[in-house]
C-alpha cells in the first residue's frame, strides 16, 4: 500500500441542526440579555435602535405613498381644467342646465 492508497478513518456523523424556532428564540434571548445586562449603555443603545427602526419604517411608508399622492393630485388637476370639444368653430355641444358658459 502506498501513501495515496491509505484509507482515512470515517468522520463522526454531524450533529442534527436545531429547529428554526429554537434558533430564533435563542437569538432573541441573547439580544434581550445583551440589552438588559449592558447597564445604562445597553438600554440607550436599544432605545436608539428602536427609534432608528421606527424612523426608517416611517420613511419607507411615506416614500411608498408619494406616487399615489402625485397621481391623485394630477387627476384632480385634470378634472378642474377645461377641455375643448372640437377645434372646429361651428361644432357645439348641446346645451343643458349644467353647461358652463363663458
PDB file of N, CA and C in Angstrom:
ATOM      1  N   UNK A   1       0.827  -1.173   0.000  1.00  0.00           N
ATOM      2  CA  UNK A   1       0.000   0.000   0.000  1.00  0.00           C
ATOM      3  C   UNK A   1       0.877   1.244   0.000  1.00  0.00           C
ATOM      4  N   UNK A   2       0.497   2.212  -0.821  1.00  0.00           N
ATOM      5  CA  UNK A   2       1.251   3.454  -0.858  1.00  0.00           C
ATOM      6  C   UNK A   2       0.557   4.485   0.015  1.00  0.00           C
ATOM      7  N   UNK A   3       1.202   5.621   0.118  1.00  0.00           N
ATOM      8  CA  UNK A   3       0.653   6.686   0.952  1.00  0.00           C
ATOM      9  C   UNK A   3      -0.678   7.207   0.396  1.00  0.00           C
ATOM     10  N   UNK A   4      -0.809   7.193  -0.919  1.00  0.00           N
ATOM     11  CA  UNK A   4      -2.040   7.691  -1.534  1.00  0.00           C
ATOM     12  C   UNK A   4      -3.190   6.714  -1.366  1.00  0.00           C
ATOM     13  N   UNK A   5      -2.871   5.458  -1.162  1.00  0.00           N
ATOM     14  CA  UNK A   5      -3.920   4.453  -1.072  1.00  0.00           C
ATOM     15  C   UNK A   5      -4.400   4.227   0.350  1.00  0.00           C
ATOM     16  N   UNK A   6      -3.791   4.906   1.319  1.00  0.00           N
ATOM     17  CA  UNK A   6      -4.214   4.704   2.706  1.00  0.00           C
ATOM     18  C   UNK A   6      -5.624   5.233   2.901  1.00  0.00           C
ATOM     19  N   UNK A   7      -6.385   4.510   3.637  1.00  0.00           N
ATOM     20  CA  UNK A   7      -7.762   4.917   3.913  1.00  0.00           C
ATOM     21  C   UNK A   7      -7.790   5.719   5.205  1.00  0.00           C
ATOM     22  N   UNK A   8      -8.444   6.843   5.144  1.00  0.00           N
ATOM     23  CA  UNK A   8      -8.607   7.674   6.331  1.00  0.00           C
ATOM     24  C   UNK A   8      -9.788   7.154   7.138  1.00  0.00           C
ATOM     25  N   UNK A   9      -9.742   7.322   8.456  1.00  0.00           N
ATOM     26  CA  UNK A   9     -10.893   6.875   9.250  1.00  0.00           C
ATOM     27  C   UNK A   9     -12.117   7.738   8.924  1.00  0.00           C
ATOM     28  N   UNK A  10     -13.269   7.138   9.022  1.00  0.00           N
ATOM     29  CA  UNK A  10     -14.516   7.847   8.716  1.00  0.00           C
ATOM     30  C   UNK A  10     -14.747   8.946   9.744  1.00  0.00           C
ATOM     31  N   UNK A  11     -15.227  10.071   9.266  1.00  0.00           N
ATOM     32  CA  UNK A  11     -15.513  11.202  10.151  1.00  0.00           C
ATOM     33  C   UNK A  11     -16.747  10.888  10.982  1.00  0.00           C
ATOM     34  N   UNK A  12     -16.799  11.410  12.197  1.00  0.00           N
ATOM     35  CA  UNK A  12     -18.001  11.168  13.010  1.00  0.00           C
ATOM     36  C   UNK A  12     -19.202  11.870  12.371  1.00  0.00           C
ATOM     37  N   UNK A  13     -20.393  11.358  12.575  1.00  0.00           N
ATOM     38  CA  UNK A  13     -21.579  11.989  11.965  1.00  0.00           C
ATOM     39  C   UNK A  13     -21.803  13.383  12.539  1.00  0.00           C
ATOM     40  N   UNK A  14     -22.344  14.254  11.702  1.00  0.00           N
ATOM     41  CA  UNK A  14     -22.608  15.627  12.122  1.00  0.00           C
ATOM     42  C   UNK A  14     -23.800  15.651  13.063  1.00  0.00           C
ATOM     43  N   UNK A  15     -23.759  16.528  14.047  1.00  0.00           N
ATOM     44  CA  UNK A  15     -24.927  16.623  14.941  1.00  0.00           C
ATOM     45  C   UNK A  15     -26.110  17.232  14.192  1.00  0.00           C
ATOM     46  N   UNK A  16     -27.292  16.882  14.625  1.00  0.00           N
ATOM     47  CA  UNK A  16     -28.504  17.406  13.985  1.00  0.00           C
ATOM     48  C   UNK A  16     -28.609  18.903  14.255  1.00  0.00           C
ATOM     49  N   UNK A  17     -28.991  19.654  13.227  1.00  0.00           N
ATOM     50  CA  UNK A  17     -29.116  21.102  13.399  1.00  0.00           C
ATOM     51  C   UNK A  17     -30.390  21.406  14.183  1.00  0.00           C
ATOM     52  N   UNK A  18     -30.355  22.455  15.006  1.00  0.00           N
ATOM     53  CA  UNK A  18     -31.549  22.794  15.794  1.00  0.00           C
ATOM     54  C   UNK A  18     -32.657  23.315  14.886  1.00  0.00           C
ATOM     55  N   UNK A  19     -33.879  23.252  15.376  1.00  0.00           N
ATOM     56  CA  UNK A  19     -35.008  23.712  14.571  1.00  0.00           C
ATOM     57  C   UNK A  19     -34.964  25.232  14.429  1.00  0.00           C
ATOM     58  N   UNK A  20     -35.665  25.717  13.430  1.00  0.00           N
ATOM     59  CA  UNK A  20     -35.654  27.151  13.138  1.00  0.00           C
ATOM     60  C   UNK A  20     -36.246  27.972  14.291  1.00  0.00           C
ATOM     61  N   UNK A  21     -37.293  27.460  14.909  1.00  0.00           N
ATOM     62  CA  UNK A  21     -37.925  28.183  16.011  1.00  0.00           C
ATOM     63  C   UNK A  21     -37.016  28.305  17.219  1.00  0.00           C
ATOM     64  N   UNK A  22     -36.277  27.233  17.513  1.00  0.00           N
ATOM     65  CA  UNK A  22     -35.393  27.301  18.678  1.00  0.00           C
ATOM     66  C   UNK A  22     -34.228  28.259  18.430  1.00  0.00           C
ATOM     67  N   UNK A  23     -33.759  28.330  17.199  1.00  0.00           N
ATOM     68  CA  UNK A  23     -32.679  29.266  16.870  1.00  0.00           C
ATOM     69  C   UNK A  23     -33.169  30.706  17.031  1.00  0.00           C
ATOM     70  N   UNK A  24     -34.382  30.975  16.572  1.00  0.00           N
ATOM     71  CA  UNK A  24     -34.945  32.324  16.690  1.00  0.00           C
ATOM     72  C   UNK A  24     -35.116  32.717  18.154  1.00  0.00           C
ATOM     73  N   UNK A  25     -35.644  31.800  18.956  1.00  0.00           N
ATOM     74  CA  UNK A  25     -35.817  32.096  20.381  1.00  0.00           C
ATOM     75  C   UNK A  25     -34.476  32.285  21.073  1.00  0.00           C
ATOM     76  N   UNK A  26     -33.486  31.485  20.701  1.00  0.00           N
ATOM     77  CA  UNK A  26     -32.166  31.624  21.312  1.00  0.00           C
ATOM     78  C   UNK A  26     -31.560  32.982  20.969  1.00  0.00           C
ATOM     79  N   UNK A  27     -31.683  33.405  19.699  1.00  0.00           N
ATOM     80  CA  UNK A  27     -31.151  34.708  19.290  1.00  0.00           C
ATOM     81  C   UNK A  27     -31.892  35.857  19.972  1.00  0.00           C
ATOM     82  N   UNK A  28     -33.204  35.717  20.109  1.00  0.00           N
ATOM     83  CA  UNK A  28     -33.988  36.752  20.778  1.00  0.00           C
ATOM     84  C   UNK A  28     -33.589  36.864  22.248  1.00  0.00           C
ATOM     85  N   UNK A  29     -33.419  35.727  22.890  1.00  0.00           N
ATOM     86  CA  UNK A  29     -32.978  35.733  24.286  1.00  0.00           C
ATOM     87  C   UNK A  29     -31.602  36.348  24.448  1.00  0.00           C
ATOM     88  N   UNK A  30     -30.709  36.075  23.509  1.00  0.00           N
ATOM     89  CA  UNK A  30     -29.365  36.651  23.561  1.00  0.00           C
ATOM     90  C   UNK A  30     -29.428  38.173  23.417  1.00  0.00           C
ATOM     91  N   UNK A  31     -30.280  38.657  22.512  1.00  0.00           N
ATOM     92  CA  UNK A  31     -30.429  40.102  22.339  1.00  0.00           C
ATOM     93  C   UNK A  31     -30.993  40.772  23.574  1.00  0.00           C
ATOM     94  N   UNK A  32     -31.972  40.132  24.204  1.00  0.00           N
ATOM     95  CA  UNK A  32     -32.548  40.694  25.434  1.00  0.00           C
ATOM     96  C   UNK A  32     -31.504  40.712  26.542  1.00  0.00           C
ATOM     97  N   UNK A  33     -30.722  39.646  26.614  1.00  0.00           N
ATOM     98  CA  UNK A  33     -29.686  39.592  27.650  1.00  0.00           C
ATOM     99  C   UNK A  33     -28.644  40.684  27.434  1.00  0.00           C
ATOM    100  N   UNK A  34     -28.244  40.901  26.177  1.00  0.00           N
ATOM    101  CA  UNK A  34     -27.276  41.970  25.893  1.00  0.00           C
ATOM    102  C   UNK A  34     -27.849  43.337  26.258  1.00  0.00           C
ATOM    103  N   UNK A  35     -29.125  43.557  25.932  1.00  0.00           N
ATOM    104  CA  UNK A  35     -29.739  44.858  26.216  1.00  0.00           C
ATOM    105  C   UNK A  35     -29.883  45.088  27.712  1.00  0.00           C
ATOM    106  N   UNK A  36     -30.282  44.052  28.447  1.00  0.00           N
ATOM    107  CA  UNK A  36     -30.523  44.212  29.880  1.00  0.00           C
ATOM    108  C   UNK A  36     -29.231  44.200  30.685  1.00  0.00           C
ATOM    109  N   UNK A  37     -28.258  43.416  30.265  1.00  0.00           N
ATOM    110  CA  UNK A  37     -27.024  43.272  31.041  1.00  0.00           C
ATOM    111  C   UNK A  37     -26.029  44.382  30.746  1.00  0.00           C
ATOM    112  N   UNK A  38     -26.281  45.176  29.730  1.00  0.00           N
ATOM    113  CA  UNK A  38     -25.335  46.221  29.358  1.00  0.00           C
ATOM    114  C   UNK A  38     -25.434  47.461  30.216  1.00  0.00           C
ATOM    115  N   UNK A  39     -26.334  47.475  31.171  1.00  0.00           N
ATOM    116  CA  UNK A  39     -26.486  48.656  32.013  1.00  0.00           C
ATOM    117  C   UNK A  39     -27.172  49.780  31.262  1.00  0.00           C
ATOM    118  N   UNK A  40     -26.848  50.993  31.649  1.00  0.00           N
ATOM    119  CA  UNK A  40     -27.465  52.167  31.038  1.00  0.00           C
ATOM    120  C   UNK A  40     -27.126  52.255  29.552  1.00  0.00           C
ATOM    121  N   UNK A  41     -25.886  51.918  29.201  1.00  0.00           N
ATOM    122  CA  UNK A  41     -25.487  51.993  27.790  1.00  0.00           C
ATOM    123  C   UNK A  41     -26.293  51.016  26.937  1.00  0.00           C
ATOM    124  N   UNK A  42     -26.572  49.848  27.488  1.00  0.00           N
ATOM    125  CA  UNK A  42     -27.363  48.861  26.748  1.00  0.00           C
ATOM    126  C   UNK A  42     -28.770  49.342  26.480  1.00  0.00           C
ATOM    127  N   UNK A  43     -29.390  49.952  27.485  1.00  0.00           N
ATOM    128  CA  UNK A  43     -30.748  50.459  27.303  1.00  0.00           C
ATOM    129  C   UNK A  43     -30.775  51.632  26.328  1.00  0.00           C
ATOM    130  N   UNK A  44     -29.782  52.497  26.415  1.00  0.00           N
ATOM    131  CA  UNK A  44     -29.721  53.631  25.484  1.00  0.00           C
ATOM    132  C   UNK A  44     -29.521  53.128  24.063  1.00  0.00           C
ATOM    133  N   UNK A  45     -28.645  52.149  23.903  1.00  0.00           N
ATOM    134  CA  UNK A  45     -28.407  51.577  22.576  1.00  0.00           C
ATOM    135  C   UNK A  45     -29.683  50.943  22.028  1.00  0.00           C
ATOM    136  N   UNK A  46     -30.407  50.233  22.891  1.00  0.00           N
ATOM    137  CA  UNK A  46     -31.662  49.610  22.468  1.00  0.00           C
ATOM    138  C   UNK A  46     -32.692  50.669  22.092  1.00  0.00           C
ATOM    139  N   UNK A  47     -32.789  51.722  22.876  1.00  0.00           N
ATOM    140  CA  UNK A  47     -33.730  52.803  22.588  1.00  0.00           C
ATOM    141  C   UNK A  47     -33.395  53.494  21.268  1.00  0.00           C
ATOM    142  N   UNK A  48     -32.118  53.785  21.055  1.00  0.00           N
ATOM    143  CA  UNK A  48     -31.720  54.434  19.802  1.00  0.00           C
ATOM    144  C   UNK A  48     -31.960  53.527  18.600  1.00  0.00           C
ATOM    145  N   UNK A  49     -31.740  52.231  18.777  1.00  0.00           N
ATOM    146  CA  UNK A  49     -32.018  51.288  17.695  1.00  0.00           C
ATOM    147  C   UNK A  49     -33.508  51.272  17.373  1.00  0.00           C
ATOM    148  N   UNK A  50     -34.351  51.246  18.401  1.00  0.00           N
ATOM    149  CA  UNK A  50     -35.799  51.243  18.184  1.00  0.00           C
ATOM    150  C   UNK A  50     -36.256  52.523  17.494  1.00  0.00           C
ATOM    151  N   UNK A  51     -35.702  53.660  17.898  1.00  0.00           N
ATOM    152  CA  UNK A  51     -36.059  54.934  17.257  1.00  0.00           C
ATOM    153  C   UNK A  51     -35.617  54.930  15.795  1.00  0.00           C
ATOM    154  N   UNK A  52     -34.421  54.419  15.534  1.00  0.00           N
ATOM    155  CA  UNK A  52     -33.929  54.356  14.155  1.00  0.00           C
ATOM    156  C   UNK A  52     -34.785  53.464  13.280  1.00  0.00           C
ATOM    157  N   UNK A  53     -35.186  52.313  13.817  1.00  0.00           N
ATOM    158  CA  UNK A  53     -36.047  51.406  13.046  1.00  0.00           C
ATOM    159  C   UNK A  53     -37.402  52.063  12.796  1.00  0.00           C
ATOM    160  N   UNK A  54     -37.950  52.722  13.804  1.00  0.00           N
ATOM    161  CA  UNK A  54     -39.237  53.404  13.634  1.00  0.00           C
ATOM    162  C   UNK A  54     -39.178  54.502  12.585  1.00  0.00           C
ATOM    163  N   UNK A  55     -38.115  55.300  12.614  1.00  0.00           N
ATOM    164  CA  UNK A  55     -37.961  56.358  11.600  1.00  0.00           C
ATOM    165  C   UNK A  55     -37.776  55.766  10.208  1.00  0.00           C
ATOM    166  N   UNK A  56     -37.030  54.674  10.117  1.00  0.00           N
ATOM    167  CA  UNK A  56     -36.833  54.028   8.820  1.00  0.00           C
ATOM    168  C   UNK A  56     -38.134  53.498   8.247  1.00  0.00           C
ATOM    169  N   UNK A  57     -38.947  52.871   9.082  1.00  0.00           N
ATOM    170  CA  UNK A  57     -40.242  52.354   8.624  1.00  0.00           C
ATOM    171  C   UNK A  57     -41.152  53.500   8.205  1.00  0.00           C
ATOM    172  N   UNK A  58     -41.166  54.573   8.981  1.00  0.00           N
ATOM    173  CA  UNK A  58     -41.997  55.728   8.623  1.00  0.00           C
ATOM    174  C   UNK A  58     -41.556  56.332   7.291  1.00  0.00           C
ATOM    175  N   UNK A  59     -40.254  56.417   7.077  1.00  0.00           N
ATOM    176  CA  UNK A  59     -39.745  56.960   5.820  1.00  0.00           C
ATOM    177  C   UNK A  59     -40.118  56.066   4.639  1.00  0.00           C
ATOM    178  N   UNK A  60     -40.027  54.755   4.816  1.00  0.00           N
ATOM    179  CA  UNK A  60     -40.409  53.840   3.736  1.00  0.00           C
ATOM    180  C   UNK A  60     -41.902  53.937   3.425  1.00  0.00           C
ATOM    181  N   UNK A  61     -42.738  54.053   4.453  1.00  0.00           N
ATOM    182  CA  UNK A  61     -44.174  54.202   4.211  1.00  0.00           C
ATOM    183  C   UNK A  61     -44.481  55.504   3.477  1.00  0.00           C
ATOM    184  N   UNK A  62     -43.819  56.568   3.872  1.00  0.00           N
ATOM    185  CA  UNK A  62     -44.016  57.854   3.208  1.00  0.00           C
ATOM    186  C   UNK A  62     -43.546  57.788   1.756  1.00  0.00           C
ATOM    187  N   UNK A  63     -42.382  57.197   1.532  1.00  0.00           N
ATOM    188  CA  UNK A  63     -41.843  57.115   0.175  1.00  0.00           C
ATOM    189  C   UNK A  63     -42.715  56.237  -0.721  1.00  0.00           C
ATOM    190  N   UNK A  64     -43.332  55.216  -0.159  1.00  0.00           N
ATOM    191  CA  UNK A  64     -44.176  54.352  -0.989  1.00  0.00           C
ATOM    192  C   UNK A  64     -45.522  55.004  -1.303  1.00  0.00           C
ATOM    193  N   UNK A  65     -45.939  56.005  -0.544  1.00  0.00           N
ATOM    194  CA  UNK A  65     -47.224  56.651  -0.809  1.00  0.00           C
ATOM    195  C   UNK A  65     -47.101  57.859  -1.730  1.00  0.00           C
ATOM    196  N   UNK A  66     -45.901  58.341  -1.984  1.00  0.00           N
ATOM    197  CA  UNK A  66     -45.719  59.545  -2.806  1.00  0.00           C
ATOM    198  C   UNK A  66     -46.241  59.361  -4.234  1.00  0.00           C
ATOM    199  N   UNK A  67     -45.965  58.252  -4.936  1.00  0.00           N
ATOM    200  CA  UNK A  67     -46.504  58.128  -6.299  1.00  0.00           C
ATOM    201  C   UNK A  67     -48.033  58.198  -6.346  1.00  0.00           C
ATOM    202  N   UNK A  68     -48.701  57.574  -5.386  1.00  0.00           N
ATOM    203  CA  UNK A  68     -50.164  57.627  -5.354  1.00  0.00           C
ATOM    204  C   UNK A  68     -50.646  59.058  -5.107  1.00  0.00           C
ATOM    205  N   UNK A  69     -49.985  59.760  -4.209  1.00  0.00           N
ATOM    206  CA  UNK A  69     -50.360  61.151  -3.940  1.00  0.00           C
ATOM    207  C   UNK A  69     -50.222  62.008  -5.194  1.00  0.00           C
ATOM    208  N   UNK A  70     -49.130  61.831  -5.923  1.00  0.00           N
ATOM    209  CA  UNK A  70     -48.921  62.627  -7.137  1.00  0.00           C
ATOM    210  C   UNK A  70     -49.940  62.280  -8.220  1.00  0.00           C
ATOM    211  N   UNK A  71     -50.293  60.997  -8.348  1.00  0.00           N
ATOM    212  CA  UNK A  71     -51.305  60.605  -9.333  1.00  0.00           C
ATOM    213  C   UNK A  71     -52.666  61.215  -9.005  1.00  0.00           C
ATOM    214  N   UNK A  72     -53.041  61.186  -7.740  1.00  0.00           N
ATOM    215  CA  UNK A  72     -54.330  61.762  -7.345  1.00  0.00           C
ATOM    216  C   UNK A  72     -54.347  63.273  -7.541  1.00  0.00           C
ATOM    217  N   UNK A  73     -53.237  63.924  -7.265  1.00  0.00           N
ATOM    218  CA  UNK A  73     -53.154  65.372  -7.470  1.00  0.00           C
ATOM    219  C   UNK A  73     -53.311  65.701  -8.951  1.00  0.00           C
ATOM    220  N   UNK A  74     -52.658  64.919  -9.800  1.00  0.00           N
ATOM    221  CA  UNK A  74     -52.763  65.135 -11.241  1.00  0.00           C
ATOM    222  C   UNK A  74     -54.192  64.889 -11.725  1.00  0.00           C
ATOM    223  N   UNK A  75     -54.844  63.870 -11.188  1.00  0.00           N
ATOM    224  CA  UNK A  75     -56.225  63.584 -11.589  1.00  0.00           C
ATOM    225  C   UNK A  75     -57.156  64.726 -11.185  1.00  0.00           C
ATOM    226  N   UNK A  76     -56.974  65.285  -9.986  1.00  0.00           N
ATOM    227  CA  UNK A  76     -57.806  66.424  -9.563  1.00  0.00           C
ATOM    228  C   UNK A  76     -57.551  67.640 -10.444  1.00  0.00           C
ATOM    229  N   UNK A  77     -56.291  67.851 -10.794  1.00  0.00           N
ATOM    230  CA  UNK A  77     -55.938  68.988 -11.641  1.00  0.00           C
ATOM    231  C   UNK A  77     -56.569  68.850 -13.028  1.00  0.00           C
ATOM    232  N   UNK A  78     -56.555  67.648 -13.576  1.00  0.00           N
ATOM    233  CA  UNK A  78     -57.163  67.428 -14.888  1.00  0.00           C
ATOM    234  C   UNK A  78     -58.680  67.557 -14.823  1.00  0.00           C
ATOM    235  N   UNK A  79     -59.284  67.158 -13.711  1.00  0.00           N
ATOM    236  CA  UNK A  79     -60.739  67.269 -13.579  1.00  0.00           C
ATOM    237  C   UNK A  79     -61.177  68.726 -13.504  1.00  0.00           C
ATOM    238  N   UNK A  80     -60.326  69.605 -12.997  1.00  0.00           N
ATOM    239  CA  UNK A  80     -60.665  71.030 -12.881  1.00  0.00           C
ATOM    240  C   UNK A  80     -60.456  71.794 -14.185  1.00  0.00           C
ATOM    241  N   UNK A  81     -59.621  71.283 -15.058  1.00  0.00           N
ATOM    242  CA  UNK A  81     -59.285  72.038 -16.271  1.00  0.00           C
ATOM    243  C   UNK A  81     -60.404  71.920 -17.310  1.00  0.00           C
ATOM    244  N   UNK A  82     -60.510  72.958 -18.126  1.00  0.00           N
ATOM    245  CA  UNK A  82     -61.498  72.966 -19.195  1.00  0.00           C
ATOM    246  C   UNK A  82     -60.917  72.269 -20.409  1.00  0.00           C
ATOM    247  N   UNK A  83     -61.769  71.559 -21.126  1.00  0.00           N
ATOM    248  CA  UNK A  83     -61.314  70.855 -22.325  1.00  0.00           C
ATOM    249  C   UNK A  83     -62.149  71.316 -23.512  1.00  0.00           C
ATOM    250  N   UNK A  84     -61.495  71.477 -24.635  1.00  0.00           N
ATOM    251  CA  UNK A  84     -62.214  71.833 -25.861  1.00  0.00           C
ATOM    252  C   UNK A  84     -62.804  70.566 -26.454  1.00  0.00           C
ATOM    253  N   UNK A  85     -64.015  70.675 -26.922  1.00  0.00           N
ATOM    254  CA  UNK A  85     -64.664  69.519 -27.531  1.00  0.00           C
ATOM    255  C   UNK A  85     -64.146  69.317 -28.943  1.00  0.00           C
ATOM    256  N   UNK A  86     -64.021  70.407 -29.688  1.00  0.00           N
ATOM    257  CA  UNK A  86     -63.577  70.298 -31.071  1.00  0.00           C
ATOM    258  C   UNK A  86     -62.829  71.576 -31.437  1.00  0.00           C
ATOM    259  N   UNK A  87     -61.917  71.452 -32.383  1.00  0.00           N
ATOM    260  CA  UNK A  87     -61.208  72.633 -32.859  1.00  0.00           C
ATOM    261  C   UNK A  87     -62.039  73.421 -33.871  1.00  0.00           C
ATOM    262  N   UNK A  88     -63.061  72.818 -34.386  1.00  0.00           N
ATOM    263  CA  UNK A  88     -63.909  73.468 -35.373  1.00  0.00           C
ATOM    264  C   UNK A  88     -64.774  74.530 -34.691  1.00  0.00           C
ATOM    265  N   UNK A  89     -64.828  75.762 -35.257  1.00  0.00           N
ATOM    266  CA  UNK A  89     -65.619  76.823 -34.601  1.00  0.00           C
ATOM    267  C   UNK A  89     -67.121  76.584 -34.665  1.00  0.00           C
ATOM    268  N   UNK A  90     -67.610  75.822 -35.644  1.00  0.00           N
ATOM    269  CA  UNK A  90     -69.054  75.626 -35.748  1.00  0.00           C
ATOM    270  C   UNK A  90     -69.543  74.397 -34.984  1.00  0.00           C
ATOM    271  N   UNK A  91     -68.623  73.632 -34.397  1.00  0.00           N
ATOM    272  CA  UNK A  91     -69.045  72.474 -33.604  1.00  0.00           C
ATOM    273  C   UNK A  91     -69.476  72.967 -32.230  1.00  0.00           C
ATOM    274  N   UNK A  92     -70.626  72.531 -31.813  1.00  0.00           N
ATOM    275  CA  UNK A  92     -71.098  72.955 -30.495  1.00  0.00           C
ATOM    276  C   UNK A  92     -71.736  71.766 -29.790  1.00  0.00           C
ATOM    277  N   UNK A  93     -71.629  71.789 -28.506  1.00  0.00           N
ATOM    278  CA  UNK A  93     -72.227  70.728 -27.705  1.00  0.00           C
ATOM    279  C   UNK A  93     -73.654  71.133 -27.378  1.00  0.00           C
ATOM    280  N   UNK A  94     -74.517  70.185 -27.199  1.00  0.00           N
ATOM    281  CA  UNK A  94     -75.885  70.552 -26.808  1.00  0.00           C
ATOM    282  C   UNK A  94     -75.874  71.197 -25.424  1.00  0.00           C
ATOM    283  N   UNK A  95     -76.656  72.268 -25.301  1.00  0.00           N
ATOM    284  CA  UNK A  95     -76.664  72.998 -24.038  1.00  0.00           C
ATOM    285  C   UNK A  95     -77.631  72.338 -23.069  1.00  0.00           C
ATOM    286  N   UNK A  96     -77.218  72.377 -21.806  1.00  0.00           N
ATOM    287  CA  UNK A  96     -78.074  71.825 -20.755  1.00  0.00           C
ATOM    288  C   UNK A  96     -78.011  72.760 -19.551  1.00  0.00           C
ATOM    289  N   UNK A  97     -78.687  72.378 -18.479  1.00  0.00           N
ATOM    290  CA  UNK A  97     -78.693  73.213 -17.272  1.00  0.00           C
ATOM    291  C   UNK A  97     -77.331  73.242 -16.598  1.00  0.00           C
ATOM    292  N   UNK A  98     -76.511  72.247 -16.865  1.00  0.00           N
ATOM    293  CA  UNK A  98     -75.202  72.199 -16.206  1.00  0.00           C
ATOM    294  C   UNK A  98     -74.076  72.681 -17.119  1.00  0.00           C
ATOM    295  N   UNK A  99     -74.416  73.342 -18.240  1.00  0.00           N
ATOM    296  CA  UNK A  99     -73.387  73.842 -19.153  1.00  0.00           C
ATOM    297  C   UNK A  99     -72.665  75.027 -18.532  1.00  0.00           C
ATOM    298  N   UNK A 100     -71.371  75.108 -18.812  1.00  0.00           N
ATOM    299  CA  UNK A 100     -70.576  76.242 -18.355  1.00  0.00           C
ATOM    300  C   UNK A 100     -70.465  77.209 -19.522  1.00  0.00           C
ATOM    301  N   UNK A 101     -70.952  78.432 -19.331  1.00  0.00           N
ATOM    302  CA  UNK A 101     -70.930  79.416 -20.404  1.00  0.00           C
ATOM    303  C   UNK A 101     -69.894  80.472 -20.087  1.00  0.00           C
ATOM    304  N   UNK A 102     -69.105  80.826 -21.102  1.00  0.00           N
ATOM    305  CA  UNK A 102     -68.102  81.873 -20.925  1.00  0.00           C
ATOM    306  C   UNK A 102     -68.151  82.814 -22.080  1.00  0.00           C
TER     307      UNK A 102
END
